[in-house]
Full PDB file with SEQRES, HELIX, SHEET, SSBOND, CRYST1, ORIGX, SCALE, CONECT and MASTER records, all heavy atoms in Angstrom:
SEQRES   1 A   43  MET GLN LYS ILE ALA ALA ALA PHE GLU ALA ASP THR GLY          
SEQRES   2 A   43  HIS LYS ALA GLU LEU SER PHE GLY ALA THR GLY LYS PHE          
SEQRES   3 A   43  TYR ALA GLN ILE THR HIS GLY ALA PRO PHE GLN VAL LEU          
SEQRES   4 A   43  LEU SER ALA ASP                                              
HELIX    1 AA1 GLN A    2  THR A   12  1                                  11    
HELIX    2 AA2 THR A   23  THR A   31  1                                   9    
CRYST1    1.000    1.000    1.000  90.00  90.00  90.00 P 1           1          
ORIGX1      1.000000  0.000000  0.000000        0.00000                         
ORIGX2      0.000000  1.000000  0.000000        0.00000                         
ORIGX3      0.000000  0.000000  1.000000        0.00000                         
SCALE1      1.000000  0.000000  0.000000        0.00000                         
SCALE2      0.000000  1.000000  0.000000        0.00000                         
SCALE3      0.000000  0.000000  1.000000        0.00000                         
ATOM      1  N   MET A   1      -2.228  17.483  53.323  1.00  0.00           N  
ATOM      2  CA  MET A   1      -3.290  16.727  53.985  1.00  0.00           C  
ATOM      3  C   MET A   1      -2.879  15.290  54.228  1.00  0.00           C  
ATOM      4  O   MET A   1      -3.299  14.677  55.227  1.00  0.00           O  
ATOM      5  CB  MET A   1      -4.579  16.793  53.162  1.00  0.00           C  
ATOM      6  CG  MET A   1      -5.797  16.278  53.944  1.00  0.00           C  
ATOM      7  SD  MET A   1      -6.026  17.197  55.499  1.00  0.00           S  
ATOM      8  CE  MET A   1      -7.135  16.104  56.375  1.00  0.00           C  
ATOM      9  N   GLN A   2      -2.076  14.728  53.351  1.00  0.00           N  
ATOM     10  CA  GLN A   2      -1.587  13.368  53.582  1.00  0.00           C  
ATOM     11  C   GLN A   2      -0.738  13.312  54.848  1.00  0.00           C  
ATOM     12  O   GLN A   2      -0.846  12.370  55.643  1.00  0.00           O  
ATOM     13  CB  GLN A   2      -0.801  12.884  52.365  1.00  0.00           C  
ATOM     14  CG  GLN A   2      -1.675  12.563  51.168  1.00  0.00           C  
ATOM     15  CD  GLN A   2      -0.896  12.263  49.909  1.00  0.00           C  
ATOM     16  OE1 GLN A   2       0.245  12.719  49.739  1.00  0.00           O  
ATOM     17  NE2 GLN A   2      -1.487  11.510  49.005  1.00  0.00           N  
ATOM     18  N   LYS A   3       0.079  14.336  55.053  1.00  0.00           N  
ATOM     19  CA  LYS A   3       0.901  14.399  56.267  1.00  0.00           C  
ATOM     20  C   LYS A   3       0.031  14.639  57.500  1.00  0.00           C  
ATOM     21  O   LYS A   3       0.242  14.042  58.559  1.00  0.00           O  
ATOM     22  CB  LYS A   3       1.952  15.501  56.139  1.00  0.00           C  
ATOM     23  CG  LYS A   3       3.150  15.124  55.293  1.00  0.00           C  
ATOM     24  CD  LYS A   3       4.267  16.136  55.471  1.00  0.00           C  
ATOM     25  CE  LYS A   3       5.516  15.708  54.719  1.00  0.00           C  
ATOM     26  NZ  LYS A   3       6.639  16.661  54.919  1.00  0.00           N  
ATOM     27  N   ILE A   4      -0.930  15.528  57.361  1.00  0.00           N  
ATOM     28  CA  ILE A   4      -1.816  15.840  58.487  1.00  0.00           C  
ATOM     29  C   ILE A   4      -2.625  14.609  58.883  1.00  0.00           C  
ATOM     30  O   ILE A   4      -2.803  14.319  60.072  1.00  0.00           O  
ATOM     31  CB  ILE A   4      -2.745  17.018  58.130  1.00  0.00           C  
ATOM     32  CG1 ILE A   4      -1.938  18.315  58.029  1.00  0.00           C  
ATOM     33  CG2 ILE A   4      -3.858  17.168  59.160  1.00  0.00           C  
ATOM     34  CD1 ILE A   4      -2.706  19.483  57.456  1.00  0.00           C  
ATOM     35  N   ALA A   5      -3.116  13.862  57.895  1.00  0.00           N  
ATOM     36  CA  ALA A   5      -3.912  12.671  58.189  1.00  0.00           C  
ATOM     37  C   ALA A   5      -3.102  11.628  58.945  1.00  0.00           C  
ATOM     38  O   ALA A   5      -3.614  10.971  59.862  1.00  0.00           O  
ATOM     39  CB  ALA A   5      -4.453  12.068  56.890  1.00  0.00           C  
ATOM     40  N   ALA A   6      -1.834  11.473  58.574  1.00  0.00           N  
ATOM     41  CA  ALA A   6      -0.969  10.517  59.272  1.00  0.00           C  
ATOM     42  C   ALA A   6      -0.754  10.942  60.715  1.00  0.00           C  
ATOM     43  O   ALA A   6      -0.815  10.122  61.645  1.00  0.00           O  
ATOM     44  CB  ALA A   6       0.365  10.387  58.543  1.00  0.00           C  
ATOM     45  N   ALA A   7      -0.518  12.228  60.936  1.00  0.00           N  
ATOM     46  CA  ALA A   7      -0.328  12.743  62.292  1.00  0.00           C  
ATOM     47  C   ALA A   7      -1.618  12.652  63.094  1.00  0.00           C  
ATOM     48  O   ALA A   7      -1.614  12.325  64.291  1.00  0.00           O  
ATOM     49  CB  ALA A   7       0.162  14.188  62.235  1.00  0.00           C  
ATOM     50  N   PHE A   8      -2.734  12.931  62.440  1.00  0.00           N  
ATOM     51  CA  PHE A   8      -4.058  12.862  63.071  1.00  0.00           C  
ATOM     52  C   PHE A   8      -4.337  11.446  63.586  1.00  0.00           C  
ATOM     53  O   PHE A   8      -4.798  11.261  64.725  1.00  0.00           O  
ATOM     54  CB  PHE A   8      -5.108  13.287  62.049  1.00  0.00           C  
ATOM     55  CG  PHE A   8      -6.544  13.114  62.482  1.00  0.00           C  
ATOM     56  CD1 PHE A   8      -7.084  13.870  63.499  1.00  0.00           C  
ATOM     57  CD2 PHE A   8      -7.361  12.194  61.830  1.00  0.00           C  
ATOM     58  CE1 PHE A   8      -8.415  13.718  63.884  1.00  0.00           C  
ATOM     59  CE2 PHE A   8      -8.689  12.035  62.200  1.00  0.00           C  
ATOM     60  CZ  PHE A   8      -9.217  12.803  63.231  1.00  0.00           C  
ATOM     61  N   GLU A   9      -4.041  10.457  62.774  1.00  0.00           N  
ATOM     62  CA  GLU A   9      -4.279   9.072  63.186  1.00  0.00           C  
ATOM     63  C   GLU A   9      -3.362   8.677  64.339  1.00  0.00           C  
ATOM     64  O   GLU A   9      -3.791   8.018  65.292  1.00  0.00           O  
ATOM     65  CB  GLU A   9      -4.078   8.128  62.005  1.00  0.00           C  
ATOM     66  CG  GLU A   9      -4.398   6.669  62.344  1.00  0.00           C  
ATOM     67  CD  GLU A   9      -4.369   5.754  61.135  1.00  0.00           C  
ATOM     68  OE1 GLU A   9      -4.090   6.235  60.007  1.00  0.00           O  
ATOM     69  OE2 GLU A   9      -4.640   4.554  61.308  1.00  0.00           O  
ATOM     70  N   ALA A  10      -2.102   9.098  64.251  1.00  0.00           N  
ATOM     71  CA  ALA A  10      -1.143   8.766  65.306  1.00  0.00           C  
ATOM     72  C   ALA A  10      -1.521   9.419  66.636  1.00  0.00           C  
ATOM     73  O   ALA A  10      -1.361   8.822  67.703  1.00  0.00           O  
ATOM     74  CB  ALA A  10       0.260   9.197  64.895  1.00  0.00           C  
ATOM     75  N   ASP A  11      -2.046  10.633  66.580  1.00  0.00           N  
ATOM     76  CA  ASP A  11      -2.348  11.384  67.796  1.00  0.00           C  
ATOM     77  C   ASP A  11      -3.721  11.087  68.384  1.00  0.00           C  
ATOM     78  O   ASP A  11      -3.917  11.200  69.602  1.00  0.00           O  
ATOM     79  CB  ASP A  11      -2.247  12.892  67.524  1.00  0.00           C  
ATOM     80  CG  ASP A  11      -0.813  13.347  67.291  1.00  0.00           C  
ATOM     81  OD1 ASP A  11       0.113  12.604  67.661  1.00  0.00           O  
ATOM     82  OD2 ASP A  11      -0.623  14.443  66.729  1.00  0.00           O  
ATOM     83  N   THR A  12      -4.699  10.720  67.532  1.00  0.00           N  
ATOM     84  CA  THR A  12      -6.067  10.549  68.020  1.00  0.00           C  
ATOM     85  C   THR A  12      -6.609   9.131  67.894  1.00  0.00           C  
ATOM     86  O   THR A  12      -7.588   8.791  68.550  1.00  0.00           O  
ATOM     87  CB  THR A  12      -7.039  11.486  67.261  1.00  0.00           C  
ATOM     88  OG1 THR A  12      -7.164  11.031  65.905  1.00  0.00           O  
ATOM     89  CG2 THR A  12      -6.538  12.921  67.277  1.00  0.00           C  
ATOM     90  N   GLY A  13      -6.001   8.331  67.020  1.00  0.00           N  
ATOM     91  CA  GLY A  13      -6.521   6.995  66.766  1.00  0.00           C  
ATOM     92  C   GLY A  13      -7.570   6.979  65.663  1.00  0.00           C  
ATOM     93  O   GLY A  13      -7.873   5.927  65.101  1.00  0.00           O  
ATOM     94  N   HIS A  14      -8.117   8.145  65.340  1.00  0.00           N  
ATOM     95  CA  HIS A  14      -9.083   8.237  64.251  1.00  0.00           C  
ATOM     96  C   HIS A  14      -8.364   8.175  62.902  1.00  0.00           C  
ATOM     97  O   HIS A  14      -7.243   8.657  62.772  1.00  0.00           O  
ATOM     98  CB  HIS A  14      -9.864   9.549  64.320  1.00  0.00           C  
ATOM     99  CG  HIS A  14     -10.704   9.700  65.544  1.00  0.00           C  
ATOM    100  ND1 HIS A  14     -11.655   8.766  65.918  1.00  0.00           N  
ATOM    101  CD2 HIS A  14     -10.740  10.683  66.480  1.00  0.00           C  
ATOM    102  CE1 HIS A  14     -12.246   9.174  67.035  1.00  0.00           C  
ATOM    103  NE2 HIS A  14     -11.706  10.332  67.395  1.00  0.00           N  
ATOM    104  N   LYS A  15      -9.028   7.618  61.910  1.00  0.00           N  
ATOM    105  CA  LYS A  15      -8.447   7.522  60.579  1.00  0.00           C  
ATOM    106  C   LYS A  15      -9.228   8.411  59.610  1.00  0.00           C  
ATOM    107  O   LYS A  15     -10.454   8.461  59.666  1.00  0.00           O  
ATOM    108  CB  LYS A  15      -8.485   6.079  60.074  1.00  0.00           C  
ATOM    109  CG  LYS A  15      -7.853   5.882  58.707  1.00  0.00           C  
ATOM    110  CD  LYS A  15      -7.861   4.419  58.305  1.00  0.00           C  
ATOM    111  CE  LYS A  15      -7.212   4.234  56.931  1.00  0.00           C  
ATOM    112  NZ  LYS A  15      -7.202   2.800  56.509  1.00  0.00           N  
ATOM    113  N   ALA A  16      -8.494   9.108  58.755  1.00  0.00           N  
ATOM    114  CA  ALA A  16      -9.130   9.951  57.743  1.00  0.00           C  
ATOM    115  C   ALA A  16      -8.988   9.294  56.375  1.00  0.00           C  
ATOM    116  O   ALA A  16      -7.875   9.032  55.926  1.00  0.00           O  
ATOM    117  CB  ALA A  16      -8.496  11.340  57.731  1.00  0.00           C  
ATOM    118  N   GLU A  17     -10.128   9.003  55.758  1.00  0.00           N  
ATOM    119  CA  GLU A  17     -10.137   8.487  54.387  1.00  0.00           C  
ATOM    120  C   GLU A  17     -10.262   9.683  53.456  1.00  0.00           C  
ATOM    121  O   GLU A  17     -11.252  10.403  53.493  1.00  0.00           O  
ATOM    122  CB  GLU A  17     -11.295   7.518  54.175  1.00  0.00           C  
ATOM    123  CG  GLU A  17     -11.122   6.191  54.903  1.00  0.00           C  
ATOM    124  CD  GLU A  17     -12.227   5.195  54.565  1.00  0.00           C  
ATOM    125  OE1 GLU A  17     -13.233   5.616  53.944  1.00  0.00           O  
ATOM    126  OE2 GLU A  17     -12.082   4.024  54.922  1.00  0.00           O  
ATOM    127  N   LEU A  18      -9.252   9.899  52.625  1.00  0.00           N  
ATOM    128  CA  LEU A  18      -9.159  11.119  51.836  1.00  0.00           C  
ATOM    129  C   LEU A  18      -9.487  10.890  50.368  1.00  0.00           C  
ATOM    130  O   LEU A  18      -9.019   9.932  49.756  1.00  0.00           O  
ATOM    131  CB  LEU A  18      -7.739  11.693  51.955  1.00  0.00           C  
ATOM    132  CG  LEU A  18      -7.199  11.876  53.378  1.00  0.00           C  
ATOM    133  CD1 LEU A  18      -5.754  12.349  53.328  1.00  0.00           C  
ATOM    134  CD2 LEU A  18      -8.065  12.854  54.171  1.00  0.00           C  
ATOM    135  N   SER A  19     -10.277  11.801  49.813  1.00  0.00           N  
ATOM    136  CA  SER A  19     -10.540  11.846  48.377  1.00  0.00           C  
ATOM    137  C   SER A  19     -10.109  13.224  47.892  1.00  0.00           C  
ATOM    138  O   SER A  19     -10.484  14.237  48.481  1.00  0.00           O  
ATOM    139  CB  SER A  19     -12.022  11.635  48.086  1.00  0.00           C  
ATOM    140  OG  SER A  19     -12.460  10.364  48.520  1.00  0.00           O  
ATOM    141  N   PHE A  20      -9.308  13.262  46.826  1.00  0.00           N  
ATOM    142  CA  PHE A  20      -8.784  14.528  46.322  1.00  0.00           C  
ATOM    143  C   PHE A  20      -9.395  14.863  44.969  1.00  0.00           C  
ATOM    144  O   PHE A  20      -9.590  13.980  44.132  1.00  0.00           O  
ATOM    145  CB  PHE A  20      -7.261  14.465  46.194  1.00  0.00           C  
ATOM    146  CG  PHE A  20      -6.552  14.197  47.495  1.00  0.00           C  
ATOM    147  CD1 PHE A  20      -6.076  12.929  47.789  1.00  0.00           C  
ATOM    148  CD2 PHE A  20      -6.377  15.203  48.432  1.00  0.00           C  
ATOM    149  CE1 PHE A  20      -5.432  12.675  48.987  1.00  0.00           C  
ATOM    150  CE2 PHE A  20      -5.731  14.959  49.635  1.00  0.00           C  
ATOM    151  CZ  PHE A  20      -5.258  13.686  49.917  1.00  0.00           C  
ATOM    152  N   GLY A  21      -9.697  16.134  44.751  1.00  0.00           N  
ATOM    153  CA  GLY A  21     -10.272  16.523  43.471  1.00  0.00           C  
ATOM    154  C   GLY A  21     -10.617  17.992  43.418  1.00  0.00           C  
ATOM    155  O   GLY A  21     -10.216  18.777  44.284  1.00  0.00           O  
ATOM    156  N   ALA A  22     -11.367  18.367  42.390  1.00  0.00           N  
ATOM    157  CA  ALA A  22     -11.782  19.755  42.193  1.00  0.00           C  
ATOM    158  C   ALA A  22     -12.946  20.095  43.115  1.00  0.00           C  
ATOM    159  O   ALA A  22     -13.879  19.302  43.275  1.00  0.00           O  
ATOM    160  CB  ALA A  22     -12.183  19.986  40.736  1.00  0.00           C  
ATOM    161  N   THR A  23     -12.901  21.268  43.700  1.00  0.00           N  
ATOM    162  CA  THR A  23     -13.952  21.705  44.615  1.00  0.00           C  
ATOM    163  C   THR A  23     -15.326  21.702  43.941  1.00  0.00           C  
ATOM    164  O   THR A  23     -16.326  21.279  44.539  1.00  0.00           O  
ATOM    165  CB  THR A  23     -13.625  23.106  45.160  1.00  0.00           C  
ATOM    166  OG1 THR A  23     -12.449  23.022  45.983  1.00  0.00           O  
ATOM    167  CG2 THR A  23     -14.772  23.659  45.985  1.00  0.00           C  
ATOM    168  N   GLY A  24     -15.387  22.154  42.698  1.00  0.00           N  
ATOM    169  CA  GLY A  24     -16.661  22.192  41.988  1.00  0.00           C  
ATOM    170  C   GLY A  24     -17.277  20.817  41.816  1.00  0.00           C  
ATOM    171  O   GLY A  24     -18.498  20.652  41.933  1.00  0.00           O  
ATOM    172  N   LYS A  25     -16.440  19.830  41.542  1.00  0.00           N  
ATOM    173  CA  LYS A  25     -16.945  18.464  41.398  1.00  0.00           C  
ATOM    174  C   LYS A  25     -17.415  17.910  42.733  1.00  0.00           C  
ATOM    175  O   LYS A  25     -18.427  17.197  42.807  1.00  0.00           O  
ATOM    176  CB  LYS A  25     -15.868  17.572  40.786  1.00  0.00           C  
ATOM    177  CG  LYS A  25     -15.755  17.705  39.285  1.00  0.00           C  
ATOM    178  CD  LYS A  25     -15.221  16.437  38.658  1.00  0.00           C  
ATOM    179  CE  LYS A  25     -15.435  16.431  37.158  1.00  0.00           C  
ATOM    180  NZ  LYS A  25     -15.037  15.163  36.525  1.00  0.00           N  
ATOM    181  N   PHE A  26     -16.674  18.225  43.795  1.00  0.00           N  
ATOM    182  CA  PHE A  26     -17.107  17.775  45.118  1.00  0.00           C  
ATOM    183  C   PHE A  26     -18.455  18.387  45.476  1.00  0.00           C  
ATOM    184  O   PHE A  26     -19.311  17.707  46.058  1.00  0.00           O  
ATOM    185  CB  PHE A  26     -16.069  18.128  46.180  1.00  0.00           C  
ATOM    186  CG  PHE A  26     -14.884  17.210  46.218  1.00  0.00           C  
ATOM    187  CD1 PHE A  26     -13.596  17.706  46.358  1.00  0.00           C  
ATOM    188  CD2 PHE A  26     -15.037  15.827  46.135  1.00  0.00           C  
ATOM    189  CE1 PHE A  26     -12.501  16.865  46.404  1.00  0.00           C  
ATOM    190  CE2 PHE A  26     -13.951  14.973  46.175  1.00  0.00           C  
ATOM    191  CZ  PHE A  26     -12.680  15.493  46.311  1.00  0.00           C  
ATOM    192  N   TYR A  27     -18.633  19.649  45.138  1.00  0.00           N  
ATOM    193  CA  TYR A  27     -19.915  20.295  45.434  1.00  0.00           C  
ATOM    194  C   TYR A  27     -21.053  19.528  44.754  1.00  0.00           C  
ATOM    195  O   TYR A  27     -22.086  19.243  45.379  1.00  0.00           O  
ATOM    196  CB  TYR A  27     -19.904  21.753  44.966  1.00  0.00           C  
ATOM    197  CG  TYR A  27     -21.273  22.387  45.031  1.00  0.00           C  
ATOM    198  CD1 TYR A  27     -21.797  22.829  46.241  1.00  0.00           C  
ATOM    199  CD2 TYR A  27     -22.066  22.497  43.884  1.00  0.00           C  
ATOM    200  CE1 TYR A  27     -23.066  23.376  46.307  1.00  0.00           C  
ATOM    201  CE2 TYR A  27     -23.334  23.041  43.943  1.00  0.00           C  
ATOM    202  CZ  TYR A  27     -23.831  23.484  45.155  1.00  0.00           C  
ATOM    203  OH  TYR A  27     -25.100  24.016  45.226  1.00  0.00           O  
ATOM    204  N   ALA A  28     -20.864  19.202  43.490  1.00  0.00           N  
ATOM    205  CA  ALA A  28     -21.901  18.471  42.753  1.00  0.00           C  
ATOM    206  C   ALA A  28     -22.166  17.107  43.383  1.00  0.00           C  
ATOM    207  O   ALA A  28     -23.316  16.685  43.528  1.00  0.00           O  
ATOM    208  CB  ALA A  28     -21.480  18.307  41.292  1.00  0.00           C  
ATOM    209  N   GLN A  29     -21.109  16.422  43.786  1.00  0.00           N  
ATOM    210  CA  GLN A  29     -21.269  15.101  44.394  1.00  0.00           C  
ATOM    211  C   GLN A  29     -21.999  15.195  45.736  1.00  0.00           C  
ATOM    212  O   GLN A  29     -22.866  14.369  46.043  1.00  0.00           O  
ATOM    213  CB  GLN A  29     -19.900  14.449  44.568  1.00  0.00           C  
ATOM    214  CG  GLN A  29     -19.229  14.073  43.251  1.00  0.00           C  
ATOM    215  CD  GLN A  29     -17.780  13.659  43.429  1.00  0.00           C  
ATOM    216  OE1 GLN A  29     -17.273  13.601  44.544  1.00  0.00           O  
ATOM    217  NE2 GLN A  29     -17.112  13.369  42.326  1.00  0.00           N  
ATOM    218  N   ILE A  30     -21.641  16.195  46.527  1.00  0.00           N  
ATOM    219  CA  ILE A  30     -22.262  16.365  47.846  1.00  0.00           C  
ATOM    220  C   ILE A  30     -23.746  16.685  47.708  1.00  0.00           C  
ATOM    221  O   ILE A  30     -24.593  16.132  48.424  1.00  0.00           O  
ATOM    222  CB  ILE A  30     -21.531  17.465  48.644  1.00  0.00           C  
ATOM    223  CG1 ILE A  30     -20.124  16.983  49.028  1.00  0.00           C  
ATOM    224  CG2 ILE A  30     -22.313  17.859  49.894  1.00  0.00           C  
ATOM    225  CD1 ILE A  30     -19.196  18.090  49.493  1.00  0.00           C  
ATOM    226  N   THR A  31     -24.079  17.550  46.771  1.00  0.00           N  
ATOM    227  CA  THR A  31     -25.490  17.910  46.587  1.00  0.00           C  
ATOM    228  C   THR A  31     -26.308  16.743  46.037  1.00  0.00           C  
ATOM    229  O   THR A  31     -27.535  16.738  46.167  1.00  0.00           O  
ATOM    230  CB  THR A  31     -25.639  19.125  45.646  1.00  0.00           C  
ATOM    231  OG1 THR A  31     -24.994  18.848  44.390  1.00  0.00           O  
ATOM    232  CG2 THR A  31     -25.016  20.359  46.279  1.00  0.00           C  
ATOM    233  N   HIS A  32     -25.626  15.762  45.449  1.00  0.00           N  
ATOM    234  CA  HIS A  32     -26.319  14.571  44.942  1.00  0.00           C  
ATOM    235  C   HIS A  32     -26.223  13.391  45.913  1.00  0.00           C  
ATOM    236  O   HIS A  32     -26.498  12.250  45.548  1.00  0.00           O  
ATOM    237  CB  HIS A  32     -25.771  14.179  43.572  1.00  0.00           C  
ATOM    238  CG  HIS A  32     -26.244  15.071  42.458  1.00  0.00           C  
ATOM    239  ND1 HIS A  32     -25.604  16.242  42.128  1.00  0.00           N  
ATOM    240  CD2 HIS A  32     -27.319  14.977  41.618  1.00  0.00           C  
ATOM    241  CE1 HIS A  32     -26.251  16.825  41.114  1.00  0.00           C  
ATOM    242  NE2 HIS A  32     -27.286  16.086  40.803  1.00  0.00           N  
ATOM    243  N   GLY A  33     -25.793  13.678  47.148  1.00  0.00           N  
ATOM    244  CA  GLY A  33     -25.856  12.657  48.179  1.00  0.00           C  
ATOM    245  C   GLY A  33     -24.582  11.913  48.504  1.00  0.00           C  
ATOM    246  O   GLY A  33     -24.627  10.928  49.253  1.00  0.00           O  
ATOM    247  N   ALA A  34     -23.441  12.344  47.976  1.00  0.00           N  
ATOM    248  CA  ALA A  34     -22.182  11.684  48.324  1.00  0.00           C  
ATOM    249  C   ALA A  34     -21.980  11.768  49.839  1.00  0.00           C  
ATOM    250  O   ALA A  34     -22.160  12.833  50.437  1.00  0.00           O  
ATOM    251  CB  ALA A  34     -21.017  12.335  47.599  1.00  0.00           C  
ATOM    252  N   PRO A  35     -21.602  10.655  50.489  1.00  0.00           N  
ATOM    253  CA  PRO A  35     -21.561  10.615  51.959  1.00  0.00           C  
ATOM    254  C   PRO A  35     -20.283  11.173  52.599  1.00  0.00           C  
ATOM    255  O   PRO A  35     -19.852  10.695  53.633  1.00  0.00           O  
ATOM    256  CB  PRO A  35     -21.707   9.120  52.238  1.00  0.00           C  
ATOM    257  CG  PRO A  35     -21.024   8.462  51.082  1.00  0.00           C  
ATOM    258  CD  PRO A  35     -21.329   9.334  49.892  1.00  0.00           C  
ATOM    259  N   PHE A  36     -19.682  12.190  51.991  1.00  0.00           N  
ATOM    260  CA  PHE A  36     -18.531  12.820  52.625  1.00  0.00           C  
ATOM    261  C   PHE A  36     -18.977  13.468  53.934  1.00  0.00           C  
ATOM    262  O   PHE A  36     -20.069  14.026  54.029  1.00  0.00           O  
ATOM    263  CB  PHE A  36     -17.911  13.886  51.714  1.00  0.00           C  
ATOM    264  CG  PHE A  36     -17.299  13.355  50.452  1.00  0.00           C  
ATOM    265  CD1 PHE A  36     -17.786  13.751  49.211  1.00  0.00           C  
ATOM    266  CD2 PHE A  36     -16.246  12.456  50.494  1.00  0.00           C  
ATOM    267  CE1 PHE A  36     -17.229  13.272  48.044  1.00  0.00           C  
ATOM    268  CE2 PHE A  36     -15.678  11.965  49.330  1.00  0.00           C  
ATOM    269  CZ  PHE A  36     -16.167  12.370  48.098  1.00  0.00           C  
ATOM    270  N   GLN A  37     -18.088  13.418  54.932  1.00  0.00           N  
ATOM    271  CA  GLN A  37     -18.417  13.998  56.236  1.00  0.00           C  
ATOM    272  C   GLN A  37     -17.765  15.364  56.443  1.00  0.00           C  
ATOM    273  O   GLN A  37     -18.255  16.176  57.228  1.00  0.00           O  
ATOM    274  CB  GLN A  37     -17.979  13.037  57.344  1.00  0.00           C  
ATOM    275  CG  GLN A  37     -18.731  11.712  57.313  1.00  0.00           C  
ATOM    276  CD  GLN A  37     -18.122  10.693  58.245  1.00  0.00           C  
ATOM    277  OE1 GLN A  37     -16.943  10.354  58.140  1.00  0.00           O  
ATOM    278  NE2 GLN A  37     -18.921  10.197  59.177  1.00  0.00           N  
ATOM    279  N   VAL A  38     -16.665  15.584  55.751  1.00  0.00           N  
ATOM    280  CA  VAL A  38     -15.923  16.839  55.872  1.00  0.00           C  
ATOM    281  C   VAL A  38     -15.486  17.272  54.480  1.00  0.00           C  
ATOM    282  O   VAL A  38     -15.116  16.435  53.655  1.00  0.00           O  
ATOM    283  CB  VAL A  38     -14.679  16.663  56.776  1.00  0.00           C  
ATOM    284  CG1 VAL A  38     -13.735  17.849  56.665  1.00  0.00           C  
ATOM    285  CG2 VAL A  38     -15.105  16.469  58.232  1.00  0.00           C  
ATOM    286  N   LEU A  39     -15.532  18.570  54.221  1.00  0.00           N  
ATOM    287  CA  LEU A  39     -15.007  19.119  52.974  1.00  0.00           C  
ATOM    288  C   LEU A  39     -13.918  20.122  53.290  1.00  0.00           C  
ATOM    289  O   LEU A  39     -14.122  21.042  54.081  1.00  0.00           O  
ATOM    290  CB  LEU A  39     -16.113  19.814  52.172  1.00  0.00           C  
ATOM    291  CG  LEU A  39     -15.635  20.626  50.946  1.00  0.00           C  
ATOM    292  CD1 LEU A  39     -15.039  19.712  49.878  1.00  0.00           C  
ATOM    293  CD2 LEU A  39     -16.782  21.462  50.372  1.00  0.00           C  
ATOM    294  N   LEU A  40     -12.761  19.944  52.677  1.00  0.00           N  
ATOM    295  CA  LEU A  40     -11.692  20.934  52.714  1.00  0.00           C  
ATOM    296  C   LEU A  40     -11.658  21.553  51.327  1.00  0.00           C  
ATOM    297  O   LEU A  40     -11.096  20.979  50.392  1.00  0.00           O  
ATOM    298  CB  LEU A  40     -10.347  20.299  53.073  1.00  0.00           C  
ATOM    299  CG  LEU A  40     -10.021  20.166  54.566  1.00  0.00           C  
ATOM    300  CD1 LEU A  40     -10.972  19.174  55.222  1.00  0.00           C  
ATOM    301  CD2 LEU A  40      -8.590  19.712  54.749  1.00  0.00           C  
ATOM    302  N   SER A  41     -12.295  22.691  51.205  1.00  0.00           N  
ATOM    303  CA  SER A  41     -12.496  23.328  49.916  1.00  0.00           C  
ATOM    304  C   SER A  41     -11.283  24.141  49.488  1.00  0.00           C  
ATOM    305  O   SER A  41     -10.426  24.494  50.302  1.00  0.00           O  
ATOM    306  CB  SER A  41     -13.730  24.238  50.009  1.00  0.00           C  
ATOM    307  OG  SER A  41     -13.955  24.915  48.806  1.00  0.00           O  
ATOM    308  N   ALA A  42     -11.239  24.474  48.190  1.00  0.00           N  
ATOM    309  CA  ALA A  42     -10.197  25.360  47.682  1.00  0.00           C  
ATOM    310  C   ALA A  42     -10.671  26.807  47.666  1.00  0.00           C  
ATOM    311  O   ALA A  42      -9.945  27.691  47.221  1.00  0.00           O  
ATOM    312  CB  ALA A  42      -9.771  24.935  46.278  1.00  0.00           C  
ATOM    313  N   ASP A  43     -11.888  27.048  48.161  1.00  0.00           N  
ATOM    314  CA  ASP A  43     -12.413  28.407  48.243  1.00  0.00           C  
ATOM    315  C   ASP A  43     -13.200  28.577  49.538  1.00  0.00           C  
ATOM    316  O   ASP A  43     -13.301  27.648  50.346  1.00  0.00           O  
ATOM    317  CB  ASP A  43     -13.278  28.737  47.018  1.00  0.00           C  
ATOM    318  CG  ASP A  43     -14.531  27.856  46.937  1.00  0.00           C  
ATOM    319  OD1 ASP A  43     -14.814  27.095  47.890  1.00  0.00           O  
ATOM    320  OD2 ASP A  43     -15.228  27.921  45.911  1.00  0.00           O  
TER     321      ASP A  43                                                      
MASTER        0    0    0    2    0    0    0    6  320    1    0    4          
END                                                                             
């Protein structure tokens, strides 16, 4: 994803701010209002 984000920014101009962690923890954060816009899950 670090490589993809670099290519994504170079090709589109958009920047991806990445947070890495366990899918279960992200689920809990999202359900409690964390402002993530996209989830790349492990399941």
